C-alpha atoms as a PDB file:
ATOM      1  CA  UNK A   1     108.021 100.177  66.447  1.00  0.00           C
ATOM      2  CA  UNK A   2     110.158  97.381  67.904  1.00  0.00           C
ATOM      3  CA  UNK A   3     110.415  99.232  71.217  1.00  0.00           C
ATOM      4  CA  UNK A   4     106.621  99.443  71.499  1.00  0.00           C
ATOM      5  CA  UNK A   5     106.304  95.716  70.745  1.00  0.00           C
ATOM      6  CA  UNK A   6     108.883  94.905  73.440  1.00  0.00           C
ATOM      7  CA  UNK A   7     106.988  97.100  75.907  1.00  0.00           C
ATOM      8  CA  UNK A   8     103.690  95.462  75.042  1.00  0.00           C
ATOM      9  CA  UNK A   9     105.131  91.970  75.404  1.00  0.00           C
ATOM     10  CA  UNK A  10     106.752  92.951  78.705  1.00  0.00           C
ATOM     11  CA  UNK A  11     103.461  94.379  79.938  1.00  0.00           C
ATOM     12  CA  UNK A  12     101.663  91.222  78.842  1.00  0.00           C
ATOM     13  CA  UNK A  13     104.250  89.050  80.660  1.00  0.00           C
ATOM     14  CA  UNK A  14     103.659  91.117  83.798  1.00  0.00           C
ATOM     15  CA  UNK A  15      99.899  90.690  83.431  1.00  0.00           C
ATOM     16  CA  UNK A  16     100.241  86.926  82.942  1.00  0.00           C
ATOM     17  CA  UNK A  17     102.519  86.663  85.975  1.00  0.00           C
ATOM     18  CA  UNK A  18     100.065  88.704  88.034  1.00  0.00           C
ATOM     19  CA  UNK A  19      97.148  86.498  86.989  1.00  0.00           C
ATOM     20  CA  UNK A  20      99.236  83.419  87.833  1.00  0.00           C
ATOM     21  CA  UNK A  21      99.771  84.859  91.332  1.00  0.00           C
ATOM     22  CA  UNK A  22      96.039  85.450  91.673  1.00  0.00           C
ATOM     23  CA  UNK A  23      95.298  81.878  90.565  1.00  0.00           C
ATOM     24  CA  UNK A  24      97.899  80.462  92.966  1.00  0.00           C
ATOM     25  CA  UNK A  25      96.189  82.264  95.829  1.00  0.00           C
ATOM     26  CA  UNK A  26      92.758  81.113  94.710  1.00  0.00           C
ATOM     27  CA  UNK A  27      93.951  77.492  94.474  1.00  0.00           C
ATOM     28  CA  UNK A  28      95.847  77.453  97.778  1.00  0.00           C
ATOM     29  CA  UNK A  29      92.920  75.692  99.491  1.00  0.00           C
ATOM     30  CA  UNK A  30      92.659  73.149  96.668  1.00  0.00           C
ATOM     31  CA  UNK A  31      89.939  74.585  94.425  1.00  0.00           C
ATOM     32  CA  UNK A  32      88.770  77.853  92.962  1.00  0.00           C
ATOM     33  CA  UNK A  33      85.342  78.572  94.425  1.00  0.00           C
ATOM     34  CA  UNK A  34      82.528  80.482  92.715  1.00  0.00           C
ATOM     35  CA  UNK A  35      83.318  83.800  94.429  1.00  0.00           C
ATOM     36  CA  UNK A  36      86.985  83.564  93.466  1.00  0.00           C
ATOM     37  CA  UNK A  37      86.008  82.666  89.892  1.00  0.00           C
ATOM     38  CA  UNK A  38      83.953  85.874  89.624  1.00  0.00           C
ATOM     39  CA  UNK A  39      86.959  87.930  90.756  1.00  0.00           C
ATOM     40  CA  UNK A  40      89.273  86.093  88.362  1.00  0.00           C
ATOM     41  CA  UNK A  41      86.929  86.813  85.454  1.00  0.00           C
ATOM     42  CA  UNK A  42      87.105  90.528  86.295  1.00  0.00           C
ATOM     43  CA  UNK A  43      90.897  90.342  86.309  1.00  0.00           C
ATOM     44  CA  UNK A  44      90.919  88.635  82.907  1.00  0.00           C
ATOM     45  CA  UNK A  45      89.211  91.705  81.485  1.00  0.00           C
ATOM     46  CA  UNK A  46      91.258  94.189  83.502  1.00  0.00           C
ATOM     47  CA  UNK A  47      94.550  92.573  82.480  1.00  0.00           C
ATOM     48  CA  UNK A  48      93.571  91.904  78.858  1.00  0.00           C
ATOM     49  CA  UNK A  49      94.128  88.160  79.113  1.00  0.00           C
ATOM     50  CA  UNK A  50      92.405  85.820  76.667  1.00  0.00           C
ATOM     51  CA  UNK A  51      90.503  82.663  77.611  1.00  0.00           C
ATOM     52  CA  UNK A  52      93.267  80.573  76.010  1.00  0.00           C
ATOM     53  CA  UNK A  53      95.965  82.331  78.044  1.00  0.00           C
ATOM     54  CA  UNK A  54      93.822  81.848  81.155  1.00  0.00           C
ATOM     55  CA  UNK A  55      93.498  78.107  80.479  1.00  0.00           C
ATOM     56  CA  UNK A  56      97.265  77.855  79.989  1.00  0.00           C
ATOM     57  CA  UNK A  57      97.954  79.639  83.287  1.00  0.00           C
ATOM     58  CA  UNK A  58      95.293  77.620  85.099  1.00  0.00           C
ATOM     59  CA  UNK A  59      97.084  74.390  84.155  1.00  0.00           C
ATOM     60  CA  UNK A  60     100.446  75.556  85.511  1.00  0.00           C
ATOM     61  CA  UNK A  61     100.405  78.912  87.357  1.00  0.00           C
ATOM     62  CA  UNK A  62     103.851  78.232  88.872  1.00  0.00           C
ATOM     63  CA  UNK A  63     105.340  78.581  85.377  1.00  0.00           C
ATOM     64  CA  UNK A  64     104.979  82.376  85.606  1.00  0.00           C
ATOM     65  CA  UNK A  65     107.364  83.873  88.185  1.00  0.00           C
ATOM     66  CA  UNK A  66     106.620  86.952  90.273  1.00  0.00           C
ATOM     67  CA  UNK A  67     108.061  90.004  88.558  1.00  0.00           C
ATOM     68  CA  UNK A  68     109.320  92.698  90.967  1.00  0.00           C
ATOM     69  CA  UNK A  69     108.549  96.339  90.243  1.00  0.00           C
ATOM     70  CA  UNK A  70     110.380  99.492  91.329  1.00  0.00           C
ATOM     71  CA  UNK A  71     107.188 101.497  91.804  1.00  0.00           C
ATOM     72  CA  UNK A  72     105.769 101.348  95.331  1.00  0.00           C
ATOM     73  CA  UNK A  73     102.308 102.240  93.999  1.00  0.00           C
ATOM     74  CA  UNK A  74     102.330  99.447  91.426  1.00  0.00           C
ATOM     75  CA  UNK A  75     103.514  96.887  94.004  1.00  0.00           C
ATOM     76  CA  UNK A  76     100.789  98.047  96.370  1.00  0.00           C
ATOM     77  CA  UNK A  77      98.162  97.783  93.627  1.00  0.00           C
ATOM     78  CA  UNK A  78      99.315  94.243  92.819  1.00  0.00           C
ATOM     79  CA  UNK A  79      99.018  93.287  96.489  1.00  0.00           C
ATOM     80  CA  UNK A  80      95.591  94.901  96.650  1.00  0.00           C
ATOM     81  CA  UNK A  81      94.493  92.747  93.701  1.00  0.00           C
ATOM     82  CA  UNK A  82      95.757  89.653  95.505  1.00  0.00           C
ATOM     83  CA  UNK A  83      93.850  90.610  98.645  1.00  0.00           C
ATOM     84  CA  UNK A  84      90.674  90.913  96.587  1.00  0.00           C
ATOM     85  CA  UNK A  85      91.005  87.295  95.500  1.00  0.00           C
ATOM     86  CA  UNK A  86      91.865  86.151  99.031  1.00  0.00           C
ATOM     87  CA  UNK A  87      88.825  87.908 100.490  1.00  0.00           C
ATOM     88  CA  UNK A  88      86.460  86.746  97.731  1.00  0.00           C
ATOM     89  CA  UNK A  89      85.264  84.223 100.320  1.00  0.00           C
ATOM     90  CA  UNK A  90      85.402  86.838 103.138  1.00  0.00           C
ATOM     91  CA  UNK A  91      88.295  85.288 105.061  1.00  0.00           C
ATOM     92  CA  UNK A  92      92.027  84.697 104.927  1.00  0.00           C
ATOM     93  CA  UNK A  93      93.447  81.265 105.631  1.00  0.00           C
ATOM     94  CA  UNK A  94      96.876  80.603 107.119  1.00  0.00           C
ATOM     95  CA  UNK A  95      98.164  79.204 103.804  1.00  0.00           C
ATOM     96  CA  UNK A  96      96.924  82.304 101.972  1.00  0.00           C
ATOM     97  CA  UNK A  97      98.608  84.600 104.472  1.00  0.00           C
ATOM     98  CA  UNK A  98     101.923  82.760 104.084  1.00  0.00           C
ATOM     99  CA  UNK A  99     101.644  82.835 100.303  1.00  0.00           C
ATOM    100  CA  UNK A 100     100.784  86.535 100.060  1.00  0.00           C
ATOM    101  CA  UNK A 101     103.736  87.342 102.318  1.00  0.00           C
ATOM    102  CA  UNK A 102     106.006  85.463  99.900  1.00  0.00           C
ATOM    103  CA  UNK A 103     104.449  87.360  96.988  1.00  0.00           C
ATOM    104  CA  UNK A 104     104.939  90.699  98.742  1.00  0.00           C
ATOM    105  CA  UNK A 105     108.624  89.928  99.230  1.00  0.00           C
ATOM    106  CA  UNK A 106     108.833  88.662  95.643  1.00  0.00           C
ATOM    107  CA  UNK A 107     107.333  91.942  94.435  1.00  0.00           C
ATOM    108  CA  UNK A 108     110.231  93.785  96.053  1.00  0.00           C
ATOM    109  CA  UNK A 109     109.106  94.698  99.577  1.00  0.00           C
ATOM    110  CA  UNK A 110     111.593  93.881 102.331  1.00  0.00           C
ATOM    111  CA  UNK A 111     110.315  91.348 104.873  1.00  0.00           C
ATOM    112  CA  UNK A 112     109.535  93.942 107.574  1.00  0.00           C
ATOM    113  CA  UNK A 113     107.580  96.202 105.190  1.00  0.00           C
ATOM    114  CA  UNK A 114     105.825  93.177 103.677  1.00  0.00           C
ATOM    115  CA  UNK A 115     104.646  92.008 107.132  1.00  0.00           C
ATOM    116  CA  UNK A 116     103.456  95.529 107.962  1.00  0.00           C
ATOM    117  CA  UNK A 117     101.502  95.905 104.718  1.00  0.00           C
ATOM    118  CA  UNK A 118      99.969  92.433 105.055  1.00  0.00           C
ATOM    119  CA  UNK A 119      98.816  93.067 108.638  1.00  0.00           C
ATOM    120  CA  UNK A 120      97.340  96.475 107.779  1.00  0.00           C
ATOM    121  CA  UNK A 121      95.644  95.042 104.696  1.00  0.00           C
ATOM    122  CA  UNK A 122      94.064  92.263 106.750  1.00  0.00           C
ATOM    123  CA  UNK A 123      92.664  94.837 109.176  1.00  0.00           C
ATOM    124  CA  UNK A 124      91.264  96.845 106.283  1.00  0.00           C
ATOM    125  CA  UNK A 125      89.738  93.885 104.446  1.00  0.00           C
ATOM    126  CA  UNK A 126      88.248  92.478 107.648  1.00  0.00           C
ATOM    127  CA  UNK A 127      86.869  95.863 108.681  1.00  0.00           C
ATOM    128  CA  UNK A 128      88.776  95.834 111.975  1.00  0.00           C
ATOM    129  CA  UNK A 129      89.952  99.422 111.963  1.00  0.00           C
ATOM    130  CA  UNK A 130      89.872 101.539 115.060  1.00  0.00           C
ATOM    131  CA  UNK A 131      88.705 105.144 114.781  1.00  0.00           C
ATOM    132  CA  UNK A 132      92.203 106.613 114.414  1.00  0.00           C
ATOM    133  CA  UNK A 133      93.021 104.293 111.512  1.00  0.00           C
ATOM    134  CA  UNK A 134      89.648 104.948 109.912  1.00  0.00           C
ATOM    135  CA  UNK A 135      90.073 108.693 110.321  1.00  0.00           C
ATOM    136  CA  UNK A 136      93.583 108.570 108.875  1.00  0.00           C
ATOM    137  CA  UNK A 137      92.393 106.718 105.785  1.00  0.00           C
ATOM    138  CA  UNK A 138      89.486 109.106 105.250  1.00  0.00           C
ATOM    139  CA  UNK A 139      91.641 112.214 105.616  1.00  0.00           C
ATOM    140  CA  UNK A 140      94.220 111.082 103.036  1.00  0.00           C
END
């Protein structure tokens, strides 16, 4: 039973750290706007985070460090979540782009791969795909 409890607490720490990253991105321009708040509320449910835990993280999101993961898919999903909060207001700001690059590297991507993923993600979220890219995504 102790192993399960350690796993659950580790998973919860990861979820709290992920929410802290989301909040840091939302606050990078100074405030959390209404669109970002809607996305954050969805993540609270998805990550199983209580209102009290949310309030604690909101006060000091820097207290929860980025936790790297060995799984490429999990790292990509975490980045995808961060892009959803960035694009809650339908644009990416320079500060947000710098911050998500730091998060990508913190998650375990090397700097070249992180830049590549960030640039491709921006194209996807902004709908600026050419036909070949669109076709490639559809065929996968």
